[in-house]
Full PDB file with SEQRES, HELIX, SHEET, SSBOND, CRYST1, ORIGX, SCALE, CONECT and MASTER records, all heavy atoms in Angstrom:
SEQRES   1 A   37  SER THR SER GLY TYR GLN ALA TYR ASP ALA ILE LYS LEU          
SEQRES   2 A   37  LYS LYS PRO ASP ILE ILE LEU LEU ASP TYR GLU MET PRO          
SEQRES   3 A   37  LEU LEU ASP GLY ALA GLU THR LEU LYS LYS PHE                  
HELIX    1 AA1 GLY A    4  LEU A   13  1                                  10    
HELIX    2 AA2 GLY A   30  LYS A   36  1                                   7    
CRYST1    1.000    1.000    1.000  90.00  90.00  90.00 P 1           1          
ORIGX1      1.000000  0.000000  0.000000        0.00000                         
ORIGX2      0.000000  1.000000  0.000000        0.00000                         
ORIGX3      0.000000  0.000000  1.000000        0.00000                         
SCALE1      1.000000  0.000000  0.000000        0.00000                         
SCALE2      0.000000  1.000000  0.000000        0.00000                         
SCALE3      0.000000  0.000000  1.000000        0.00000                         
ATOM      1  N   SER A   1      42.868 166.529 150.200  1.00  0.00           N  
ATOM      2  CA  SER A   1      43.915 167.534 150.355  1.00  0.00           C  
ATOM      3  C   SER A   1      44.676 167.222 151.637  1.00  0.00           C  
ATOM      4  O   SER A   1      44.084 166.797 152.622  1.00  0.00           O  
ATOM      5  CB  SER A   1      43.313 168.937 150.478  1.00  0.00           C  
ATOM      6  OG  SER A   1      42.691 169.318 149.281  1.00  0.00           O  
ATOM      7  N   THR A   2      45.979 167.475 151.610  1.00  0.00           N  
ATOM      8  CA  THR A   2      46.805 167.166 152.781  1.00  0.00           C  
ATOM      9  C   THR A   2      47.082 168.385 153.662  1.00  0.00           C  
ATOM     10  O   THR A   2      47.785 168.271 154.657  1.00  0.00           O  
ATOM     11  CB  THR A   2      48.152 166.533 152.356  1.00  0.00           C  
ATOM     12  OG1 THR A   2      48.808 167.421 151.455  1.00  0.00           O  
ATOM     13  CG2 THR A   2      47.931 165.174 151.706  1.00  0.00           C  
ATOM     14  N   SER A   3      46.525 169.542 153.297  1.00  0.00           N  
ATOM     15  CA  SER A   3      46.717 170.743 154.121  1.00  0.00           C  
ATOM     16  C   SER A   3      45.582 171.727 153.870  1.00  0.00           C  
ATOM     17  O   SER A   3      44.873 171.632 152.863  1.00  0.00           O  
ATOM     18  CB  SER A   3      48.050 171.422 153.788  1.00  0.00           C  
ATOM     19  OG  SER A   3      47.969 172.067 152.523  1.00  0.00           O  
ATOM     20  N   GLY A   4      45.455 172.675 154.781  1.00  0.00           N  
ATOM     21  CA  GLY A   4      44.456 173.722 154.618  1.00  0.00           C  
ATOM     22  C   GLY A   4      44.720 174.574 153.392  1.00  0.00           C  
ATOM     23  O   GLY A   4      43.791 174.968 152.682  1.00  0.00           O  
ATOM     24  N   TYR A   5      45.994 174.834 153.111  1.00  0.00           N  
ATOM     25  CA  TYR A   5      46.350 175.627 151.933  1.00  0.00           C  
ATOM     26  C   TYR A   5      45.940 174.900 150.654  1.00  0.00           C  
ATOM     27  O   TYR A   5      45.359 175.490 149.743  1.00  0.00           O  
ATOM     28  CB  TYR A   5      47.858 175.912 151.909  1.00  0.00           C  
ATOM     29  CG  TYR A   5      48.326 176.762 153.065  1.00  0.00           C  
ATOM     30  CD1 TYR A   5      49.114 176.209 154.067  1.00  0.00           C  
ATOM     31  CD2 TYR A   5      47.986 178.114 153.164  1.00  0.00           C  
ATOM     32  CE1 TYR A   5      49.551 176.978 155.139  1.00  0.00           C  
ATOM     33  CE2 TYR A   5      48.413 178.889 154.222  1.00  0.00           C  
ATOM     34  CZ  TYR A   5      49.198 178.319 155.213  1.00  0.00           C  
ATOM     35  OH  TYR A   5      49.609 179.080 156.271  1.00  0.00           O  
ATOM     36  N   GLN A   6      46.250 173.609 150.604  1.00  0.00           N  
ATOM     37  CA  GLN A   6      45.900 172.797 149.438  1.00  0.00           C  
ATOM     38  C   GLN A   6      44.377 172.718 149.278  1.00  0.00           C  
ATOM     39  O   GLN A   6      43.850 172.763 148.173  1.00  0.00           O  
ATOM     40  CB  GLN A   6      46.510 171.399 149.597  1.00  0.00           C  
ATOM     41  CG  GLN A   6      46.501 170.572 148.336  1.00  0.00           C  
ATOM     42  CD  GLN A   6      47.076 169.193 148.581  1.00  0.00           C  
ATOM     43  OE1 GLN A   6      46.483 168.393 149.289  1.00  0.00           O  
ATOM     44  NE2 GLN A   6      48.224 168.915 147.996  1.00  0.00           N  
ATOM     45  N   ALA A   7      43.660 172.633 150.398  1.00  0.00           N  
ATOM     46  CA  ALA A   7      42.195 172.566 150.364  1.00  0.00           C  
ATOM     47  C   ALA A   7      41.611 173.836 149.763  1.00  0.00           C  
ATOM     48  O   ALA A   7      40.670 173.779 148.959  1.00  0.00           O  
ATOM     49  CB  ALA A   7      41.647 172.351 151.770  1.00  0.00           C  
ATOM     50  N   TYR A   8      42.167 174.967 150.132  1.00  0.00           N  
ATOM     51  CA  TYR A   8      41.653 176.230 149.610  1.00  0.00           C  
ATOM     52  C   TYR A   8      41.841 176.285 148.089  1.00  0.00           C  
ATOM     53  O   TYR A   8      40.953 176.722 147.363  1.00  0.00           O  
ATOM     54  CB  TYR A   8      42.304 177.420 150.310  1.00  0.00           C  
ATOM     55  CG  TYR A   8      41.585 178.694 149.987  1.00  0.00           C  
ATOM     56  CD1 TYR A   8      40.293 178.924 150.460  1.00  0.00           C  
ATOM     57  CD2 TYR A   8      42.157 179.644 149.160  1.00  0.00           C  
ATOM     58  CE1 TYR A   8      39.595 180.071 150.133  1.00  0.00           C  
ATOM     59  CE2 TYR A   8      41.470 180.799 148.834  1.00  0.00           C  
ATOM     60  CZ  TYR A   8      40.196 181.005 149.319  1.00  0.00           C  
ATOM     61  OH  TYR A   8      39.511 182.138 148.976  1.00  0.00           O  
ATOM     62  N   ASP A   9      42.980 175.802 147.598  1.00  0.00           N  
ATOM     63  CA  ASP A   9      43.209 175.742 146.149  1.00  0.00           C  
ATOM     64  C   ASP A   9      42.227 174.783 145.487  1.00  0.00           C  
ATOM     65  O   ASP A   9      41.714 175.056 144.404  1.00  0.00           O  
ATOM     66  CB  ASP A   9      44.651 175.307 145.848  1.00  0.00           C  
ATOM     67  CG  ASP A   9      45.671 176.384 146.205  1.00  0.00           C  
ATOM     68  OD1 ASP A   9      45.283 177.570 146.338  1.00  0.00           O  
ATOM     69  OD2 ASP A   9      46.849 176.036 146.370  1.00  0.00           O  
ATOM     70  N   ALA A  10      41.949 173.660 146.148  1.00  0.00           N  
ATOM     71  CA  ALA A  10      41.026 172.657 145.602  1.00  0.00           C  
ATOM     72  C   ALA A  10      39.611 173.229 145.471  1.00  0.00           C  
ATOM     73  O   ALA A  10      38.903 172.935 144.502  1.00  0.00           O  
ATOM     74  CB  ALA A  10      41.010 171.408 146.485  1.00  0.00           C  
ATOM     75  N   ILE A  11      39.207 174.053 146.424  1.00  0.00           N  
ATOM     76  CA  ILE A  11      37.868 174.666 146.388  1.00  0.00           C  
ATOM     77  C   ILE A  11      37.729 175.569 145.168  1.00  0.00           C  
ATOM     78  O   ILE A  11      36.666 175.640 144.558  1.00  0.00           O  
ATOM     79  CB  ILE A  11      37.595 175.453 147.690  1.00  0.00           C  
ATOM     80  CG1 ILE A  11      37.375 174.483 148.837  1.00  0.00           C  
ATOM     81  CG2 ILE A  11      36.384 176.369 147.538  1.00  0.00           C  
ATOM     82  CD1 ILE A  11      37.304 175.146 150.195  1.00  0.00           C  
ATOM     83  N   LYS A  12      38.814 176.241 144.805  1.00  0.00           N  
ATOM     84  CA  LYS A  12      38.774 177.117 143.633  1.00  0.00           C  
ATOM     85  C   LYS A  12      38.578 176.312 142.350  1.00  0.00           C  
ATOM     86  O   LYS A  12      37.969 176.796 141.403  1.00  0.00           O  
ATOM     87  CB  LYS A  12      40.054 177.941 143.547  1.00  0.00           C  
ATOM     88  CG  LYS A  12      40.182 178.970 144.657  1.00  0.00           C  
ATOM     89  CD  LYS A  12      41.510 179.690 144.552  1.00  0.00           C  
ATOM     90  CE  LYS A  12      41.732 180.607 145.729  1.00  0.00           C  
ATOM     91  NZ  LYS A  12      43.065 181.194 145.724  1.00  0.00           N  
ATOM     92  N   LEU A  13      39.109 175.086 142.316  1.00  0.00           N  
ATOM     93  CA  LEU A  13      38.971 174.234 141.134  1.00  0.00           C  
ATOM     94  C   LEU A  13      37.580 173.625 141.024  1.00  0.00           C  
ATOM     95  O   LEU A  13      36.992 173.587 139.956  1.00  0.00           O  
ATOM     96  CB  LEU A  13      40.016 173.103 141.160  1.00  0.00           C  
ATOM     97  CG  LEU A  13      41.468 173.542 141.056  1.00  0.00           C  
ATOM     98  CD1 LEU A  13      42.393 172.345 141.242  1.00  0.00           C  
ATOM     99  CD2 LEU A  13      41.721 174.203 139.702  1.00  0.00           C  
ATOM    100  N   LYS A  14      37.082 173.099 142.148  1.00  0.00           N  
ATOM    101  CA  LYS A  14      35.738 172.508 142.172  1.00  0.00           C  
ATOM    102  C   LYS A  14      35.168 172.670 143.575  1.00  0.00           C  
ATOM    103  O   LYS A  14      35.680 172.085 144.533  1.00  0.00           O  
ATOM    104  CB  LYS A  14      35.774 171.031 141.789  1.00  0.00           C  
ATOM    105  CG  LYS A  14      34.375 170.432 141.755  1.00  0.00           C  
ATOM    106  CD  LYS A  14      34.342 169.012 141.252  1.00  0.00           C  
ATOM    107  CE  LYS A  14      32.901 168.537 141.235  1.00  0.00           C  
ATOM    108  NZ  LYS A  14      32.785 167.168 140.813  1.00  0.00           N  
ATOM    109  N   LYS A  15      34.108 173.453 143.674  1.00  0.00           N  
ATOM    110  CA  LYS A  15      33.508 173.727 144.978  1.00  0.00           C  
ATOM    111  C   LYS A  15      32.837 172.458 145.516  1.00  0.00           C  
ATOM    112  O   LYS A  15      31.958 171.893 144.876  1.00  0.00           O  
ATOM    113  CB  LYS A  15      32.484 174.853 144.852  1.00  0.00           C  
ATOM    114  CG  LYS A  15      31.882 175.262 146.175  1.00  0.00           C  
ATOM    115  CD  LYS A  15      30.923 176.417 146.005  1.00  0.00           C  
ATOM    116  CE  LYS A  15      30.287 176.772 147.339  1.00  0.00           C  
ATOM    117  NZ  LYS A  15      29.356 177.885 147.195  1.00  0.00           N  
ATOM    118  N   PRO A  16      33.245 172.023 146.705  1.00  0.00           N  
ATOM    119  CA  PRO A  16      32.616 170.836 147.299  1.00  0.00           C  
ATOM    120  C   PRO A  16      31.253 171.170 147.914  1.00  0.00           C  
ATOM    121  O   PRO A  16      30.974 172.326 148.236  1.00  0.00           O  
ATOM    122  CB  PRO A  16      33.609 170.408 148.382  1.00  0.00           C  
ATOM    123  CG  PRO A  16      34.301 171.676 148.766  1.00  0.00           C  
ATOM    124  CD  PRO A  16      34.342 172.534 147.527  1.00  0.00           C  
ATOM    125  N   ASP A  17      30.430 170.146 148.072  1.00  0.00           N  
ATOM    126  CA  ASP A  17      29.157 170.311 148.771  1.00  0.00           C  
ATOM    127  C   ASP A  17      29.377 170.302 150.276  1.00  0.00           C  
ATOM    128  O   ASP A  17      28.595 170.871 151.029  1.00  0.00           O  
ATOM    129  CB  ASP A  17      28.194 169.174 148.387  1.00  0.00           C  
ATOM    130  CG  ASP A  17      27.821 169.261 146.917  1.00  0.00           C  
ATOM    131  OD1 ASP A  17      27.115 170.222 146.554  1.00  0.00           O  
ATOM    132  OD2 ASP A  17      28.250 168.386 146.137  1.00  0.00           O  
ATOM    133  N   ILE A  18      30.466 169.641 150.693  1.00  0.00           N  
ATOM    134  CA  ILE A  18      30.791 169.533 152.118  1.00  0.00           C  
ATOM    135  C   ILE A  18      32.290 169.288 152.263  1.00  0.00           C  
ATOM    136  O   ILE A  18      32.923 168.717 151.371  1.00  0.00           O  
ATOM    137  CB  ILE A  18      29.964 168.411 152.797  1.00  0.00           C  
ATOM    138  CG1 ILE A  18      30.096 168.470 154.320  1.00  0.00           C  
ATOM    139  CG2 ILE A  18      30.314 167.043 152.231  1.00  0.00           C  
ATOM    140  CD1 ILE A  18      29.017 167.676 155.045  1.00  0.00           C  
ATOM    141  N   ILE A  19      32.845 169.723 153.396  1.00  0.00           N  
ATOM    142  CA  ILE A  19      34.265 169.528 153.683  1.00  0.00           C  
ATOM    143  C   ILE A  19      34.407 168.755 154.988  1.00  0.00           C  
ATOM    144  O   ILE A  19      33.774 169.096 155.989  1.00  0.00           O  
ATOM    145  CB  ILE A  19      34.994 170.877 153.808  1.00  0.00           C  
ATOM    146  CG1 ILE A  19      34.885 171.678 152.502  1.00  0.00           C  
ATOM    147  CG2 ILE A  19      36.460 170.670 154.210  1.00  0.00           C  
ATOM    148  CD1 ILE A  19      35.337 173.119 152.608  1.00  0.00           C  
ATOM    149  N   LEU A  20      35.234 167.717 154.959  1.00  0.00           N  
ATOM    150  CA  LEU A  20      35.623 166.976 156.166  1.00  0.00           C  
ATOM    151  C   LEU A  20      37.028 167.455 156.494  1.00  0.00           C  
ATOM    152  O   LEU A  20      37.948 167.285 155.699  1.00  0.00           O  
ATOM    153  CB  LEU A  20      35.608 165.470 155.915  1.00  0.00           C  
ATOM    154  CG  LEU A  20      34.308 164.897 155.363  1.00  0.00           C  
ATOM    155  CD1 LEU A  20      34.445 163.390 155.143  1.00  0.00           C  
ATOM    156  CD2 LEU A  20      33.144 165.195 156.275  1.00  0.00           C  
ATOM    157  N   LEU A  21      37.201 168.082 157.647  1.00  0.00           N  
ATOM    158  CA  LEU A  21      38.429 168.813 157.964  1.00  0.00           C  
ATOM    159  C   LEU A  21      39.060 168.343 159.263  1.00  0.00           C  
ATOM    160  O   LEU A  21      38.414 168.351 160.312  1.00  0.00           O  
ATOM    161  CB  LEU A  21      38.078 170.308 158.053  1.00  0.00           C  
ATOM    162  CG  LEU A  21      39.162 171.295 158.430  1.00  0.00           C  
ATOM    163  CD1 LEU A  21      40.295 171.289 157.416  1.00  0.00           C  
ATOM    164  CD2 LEU A  21      38.562 172.695 158.552  1.00  0.00           C  
ATOM    165  N   ASP A  22      40.329 167.967 159.185  1.00  0.00           N  
ATOM    166  CA  ASP A  22      41.083 167.587 160.379  1.00  0.00           C  
ATOM    167  C   ASP A  22      41.272 168.817 161.259  1.00  0.00           C  
ATOM    168  O   ASP A  22      41.661 169.881 160.777  1.00  0.00           O  
ATOM    169  CB  ASP A  22      42.437 167.017 159.964  1.00  0.00           C  
ATOM    170  CG  ASP A  22      43.271 166.505 161.117  1.00  0.00           C  
ATOM    171  OD1 ASP A  22      42.719 166.317 162.229  1.00  0.00           O  
ATOM    172  OD2 ASP A  22      44.482 166.287 160.925  1.00  0.00           O  
ATOM    173  N   TYR A  23      40.992 168.660 162.540  1.00  0.00           N  
ATOM    174  CA  TYR A  23      41.119 169.777 163.474  1.00  0.00           C  
ATOM    175  C   TYR A  23      42.576 170.060 163.826  1.00  0.00           C  
ATOM    176  O   TYR A  23      42.973 171.207 164.015  1.00  0.00           O  
ATOM    177  CB  TYR A  23      40.302 169.485 164.735  1.00  0.00           C  
ATOM    178  CG  TYR A  23      40.295 170.619 165.736  1.00  0.00           C  
ATOM    179  CD1 TYR A  23      39.640 171.811 165.452  1.00  0.00           C  
ATOM    180  CD2 TYR A  23      40.943 170.492 166.952  1.00  0.00           C  
ATOM    181  CE1 TYR A  23      39.629 172.856 166.360  1.00  0.00           C  
ATOM    182  CE2 TYR A  23      40.935 171.532 167.867  1.00  0.00           C  
ATOM    183  CZ  TYR A  23      40.285 172.715 167.566  1.00  0.00           C  
ATOM    184  OH  TYR A  23      40.273 173.747 168.467  1.00  0.00           O  
ATOM    185  N   GLU A  24      43.383 169.007 163.920  1.00  0.00           N  
ATOM    186  CA  GLU A  24      44.779 169.152 164.353  1.00  0.00           C  
ATOM    187  C   GLU A  24      45.729 168.857 163.199  1.00  0.00           C  
ATOM    188  O   GLU A  24      46.044 167.708 162.923  1.00  0.00           O  
ATOM    189  CB  GLU A  24      45.059 168.210 165.520  1.00  0.00           C  
ATOM    190  CG  GLU A  24      44.225 168.535 166.742  1.00  0.00           C  
ATOM    191  CD  GLU A  24      44.150 167.389 167.739  1.00  0.00           C  
ATOM    192  OE1 GLU A  24      44.857 166.392 167.565  1.00  0.00           O  
ATOM    193  OE2 GLU A  24      43.366 167.506 168.688  1.00  0.00           O  
ATOM    194  N   MET A  25      46.180 169.930 162.534  1.00  0.00           N  
ATOM    195  CA  MET A  25      47.141 169.801 161.431  1.00  0.00           C  
ATOM    196  C   MET A  25      48.286 170.774 161.655  1.00  0.00           C  
ATOM    197  O   MET A  25      48.088 171.816 162.279  1.00  0.00           O  
ATOM    198  CB  MET A  25      46.473 170.135 160.086  1.00  0.00           C  
ATOM    199  CG  MET A  25      45.433 169.157 159.627  1.00  0.00           C  
ATOM    200  SD  MET A  25      44.843 169.500 157.944  1.00  0.00           S  
ATOM    201  CE  MET A  25      43.972 171.048 158.178  1.00  0.00           C  
ATOM    202  N   PRO A  26      49.464 170.445 161.114  1.00  0.00           N  
ATOM    203  CA  PRO A  26      50.582 171.383 161.219  1.00  0.00           C  
ATOM    204  C   PRO A  26      50.361 172.596 160.303  1.00  0.00           C  
ATOM    205  O   PRO A  26      49.534 172.549 159.392  1.00  0.00           O  
ATOM    206  CB  PRO A  26      51.784 170.556 160.755  1.00  0.00           C  
ATOM    207  CG  PRO A  26      51.219 169.462 159.922  1.00  0.00           C  
ATOM    208  CD  PRO A  26      49.834 169.199 160.449  1.00  0.00           C  
ATOM    209  N   LEU A  27      51.098 173.640 160.532  1.00  0.00           N  
ATOM    210  CA  LEU A  27      51.065 174.885 159.767  1.00  0.00           C  
ATOM    211  C   LEU A  27      49.737 175.626 159.905  1.00  0.00           C  
ATOM    212  O   LEU A  27      49.643 176.603 160.606  1.00  0.00           O  
ATOM    213  CB  LEU A  27      51.390 174.643 158.283  1.00  0.00           C  
ATOM    214  CG  LEU A  27      52.734 173.980 157.989  1.00  0.00           C  
ATOM    215  CD1 LEU A  27      52.886 173.723 156.499  1.00  0.00           C  
ATOM    216  CD2 LEU A  27      53.890 174.827 158.510  1.00  0.00           C  
ATOM    217  N   LEU A  28      48.711 175.159 159.225  1.00  0.00           N  
ATOM    218  CA  LEU A  28      47.401 175.800 159.265  1.00  0.00           C  
ATOM    219  C   LEU A  28      46.433 174.765 159.839  1.00  0.00           C  
ATOM    220  O   LEU A  28      46.042 173.831 159.152  1.00  0.00           O  
ATOM    221  CB  LEU A  28      46.996 176.199 157.839  1.00  0.00           C  
ATOM    222  CG  LEU A  28      45.783 177.093 157.668  1.00  0.00           C  
ATOM    223  CD1 LEU A  28      46.043 178.481 158.258  1.00  0.00           C  
ATOM    224  CD2 LEU A  28      45.450 177.236 156.189  1.00  0.00           C  
ATOM    225  N   ASP A  29      46.067 174.920 161.121  1.00  0.00           N  
ATOM    226  CA  ASP A  29      45.207 173.908 161.745  1.00  0.00           C  
ATOM    227  C   ASP A  29      43.765 174.036 161.256  1.00  0.00           C  
ATOM    228  O   ASP A  29      43.425 174.938 160.475  1.00  0.00           O  
ATOM    229  CB  ASP A  29      45.300 173.959 163.267  1.00  0.00           C  
ATOM    230  CG  ASP A  29      44.699 175.214 163.889  1.00  0.00           C  
ATOM    231  OD1 ASP A  29      43.954 175.939 163.210  1.00  0.00           O  
ATOM    232  OD2 ASP A  29      44.969 175.453 165.072  1.00  0.00           O  
ATOM    233  N   GLY A  30      42.919 173.129 161.704  1.00  0.00           N  
ATOM    234  CA  GLY A  30      41.533 173.105 161.252  1.00  0.00           C  
ATOM    235  C   GLY A  30      40.777 174.382 161.565  1.00  0.00           C  
ATOM    236  O   GLY A  30      39.997 174.870 160.748  1.00  0.00           O  
ATOM    237  N   ALA A  31      40.997 174.947 162.743  1.00  0.00           N  
ATOM    238  CA  ALA A  31      40.302 176.179 163.132  1.00  0.00           C  
ATOM    239  C   ALA A  31      40.690 177.329 162.203  1.00  0.00           C  
ATOM    240  O   ALA A  31      39.829 178.077 161.724  1.00  0.00           O  
ATOM    241  CB  ALA A  31      40.621 176.530 164.581  1.00  0.00           C  
ATOM    242  N   GLU A  32      41.980 177.472 161.923  1.00  0.00           N  
ATOM    243  CA  GLU A  32      42.453 178.534 161.029  1.00  0.00           C  
ATOM    244  C   GLU A  32      41.979 178.294 159.594  1.00  0.00           C  
ATOM    245  O   GLU A  32      41.641 179.238 158.880  1.00  0.00           O  
ATOM    246  CB  GLU A  32      43.986 178.634 161.072  1.00  0.00           C  
ATOM    247  CG  GLU A  32      44.499 179.234 162.355  1.00  0.00           C  
ATOM    248  CD  GLU A  32      44.017 180.669 162.556  1.00  0.00           C  
ATOM    249  OE1 GLU A  32      44.073 181.479 161.612  1.00  0.00           O  
ATOM    250  OE2 GLU A  32      43.564 180.983 163.672  1.00  0.00           O  
ATOM    251  N   THR A  33      41.967 177.033 159.182  1.00  0.00           N  
ATOM    252  CA  THR A  33      41.493 176.690 157.836  1.00  0.00           C  
ATOM    253  C   THR A  33      40.018 177.053 157.694  1.00  0.00           C  
ATOM    254  O   THR A  33      39.615 177.673 156.702  1.00  0.00           O  
ATOM    255  CB  THR A  33      41.718 175.191 157.548  1.00  0.00           C  
ATOM    256  OG1 THR A  33      43.113 174.891 157.665  1.00  0.00           O  
ATOM    257  CG2 THR A  33      41.242 174.818 156.157  1.00  0.00           C  
ATOM    258  N   LEU A  34      39.226 176.702 158.690  1.00  0.00           N  
ATOM    259  CA  LEU A  34      37.800 177.038 158.656  1.00  0.00           C  
ATOM    260  C   LEU A  34      37.601 178.553 158.602  1.00  0.00           C  
ATOM    261  O   LEU A  34      36.777 179.057 157.833  1.00  0.00           O  
ATOM    262  CB  LEU A  34      37.082 176.440 159.869  1.00  0.00           C  
ATOM    263  CG  LEU A  34      35.585 176.758 159.973  1.00  0.00           C  
ATOM    264  CD1 LEU A  34      34.821 176.246 158.763  1.00  0.00           C  
ATOM    265  CD2 LEU A  34      35.008 176.160 161.246  1.00  0.00           C  
ATOM    266  N   LYS A  35      38.379 179.277 159.402  1.00  0.00           N  
ATOM    267  CA  LYS A  35      38.292 180.738 159.398  1.00  0.00           C  
ATOM    268  C   LYS A  35      38.586 181.279 157.997  1.00  0.00           C  
ATOM    269  O   LYS A  35      37.880 182.159 157.498  1.00  0.00           O  
ATOM    270  CB  LYS A  35      39.284 181.310 160.416  1.00  0.00           C  
ATOM    271  CG  LYS A  35      39.207 182.804 160.562  1.00  0.00           C  
ATOM    272  CD  LYS A  35      40.183 183.288 161.627  1.00  0.00           C  
ATOM    273  CE  LYS A  35      40.148 184.797 161.693  1.00  0.00           C  
ATOM    274  NZ  LYS A  35      41.300 185.359 162.356  1.00  0.00           N  
ATOM    275  N   LYS A  36      39.604 180.736 157.348  1.00  0.00           N  
ATOM    276  CA  LYS A  36      39.980 181.146 155.990  1.00  0.00           C  
ATOM    277  C   LYS A  36      38.837 180.844 155.012  1.00  0.00           C  
ATOM    278  O   LYS A  36      38.505 181.682 154.172  1.00  0.00           O  
ATOM    279  CB  LYS A  36      41.263 180.415 155.587  1.00  0.00           C  
ATOM    280  CG  LYS A  36      41.891 180.887 154.302  1.00  0.00           C  
ATOM    281  CD  LYS A  36      43.247 180.203 154.149  1.00  0.00           C  
ATOM    282  CE  LYS A  36      43.883 180.444 152.809  1.00  0.00           C  
ATOM    283  NZ  LYS A  36      44.385 181.783 152.614  1.00  0.00           N  
ATOM    284  N   PHE A  37      38.217 179.671 155.134  1.00  0.00           N  
ATOM    285  CA  PHE A  37      37.085 179.327 154.264  1.00  0.00           C  
ATOM    286  C   PHE A  37      35.956 180.339 154.431  1.00  0.00           C  
ATOM    287  O   PHE A  37      35.344 180.770 153.465  1.00  0.00           O  
ATOM    288  CB  PHE A  37      36.530 177.935 154.579  1.00  0.00           C  
ATOM    289  CG  PHE A  37      37.416 176.784 154.226  1.00  0.00           C  
ATOM    290  CD1 PHE A  37      37.243 175.565 154.860  1.00  0.00           C  
ATOM    291  CD2 PHE A  37      38.413 176.886 153.273  1.00  0.00           C  
ATOM    292  CE1 PHE A  37      38.036 174.476 154.543  1.00  0.00           C  
ATOM    293  CE2 PHE A  37      39.227 175.806 152.954  1.00  0.00           C  
ATOM    294  CZ  PHE A  37      39.036 174.596 153.592  1.00  0.00           C  
TER     295      PHE A  37                                                      
MASTER        0    0    0    2    0    0    0    6  294    1    0    3          
END                                                                             
């Protein structure tokens, strides 16, 4: 996934066993993405 928003949609399709997440991303950074998860 190229963004936190896209990752959240991907989780709904198929739940991963683990997520590798970039900490520094535009729009929704890694910290905010993790909080959303």
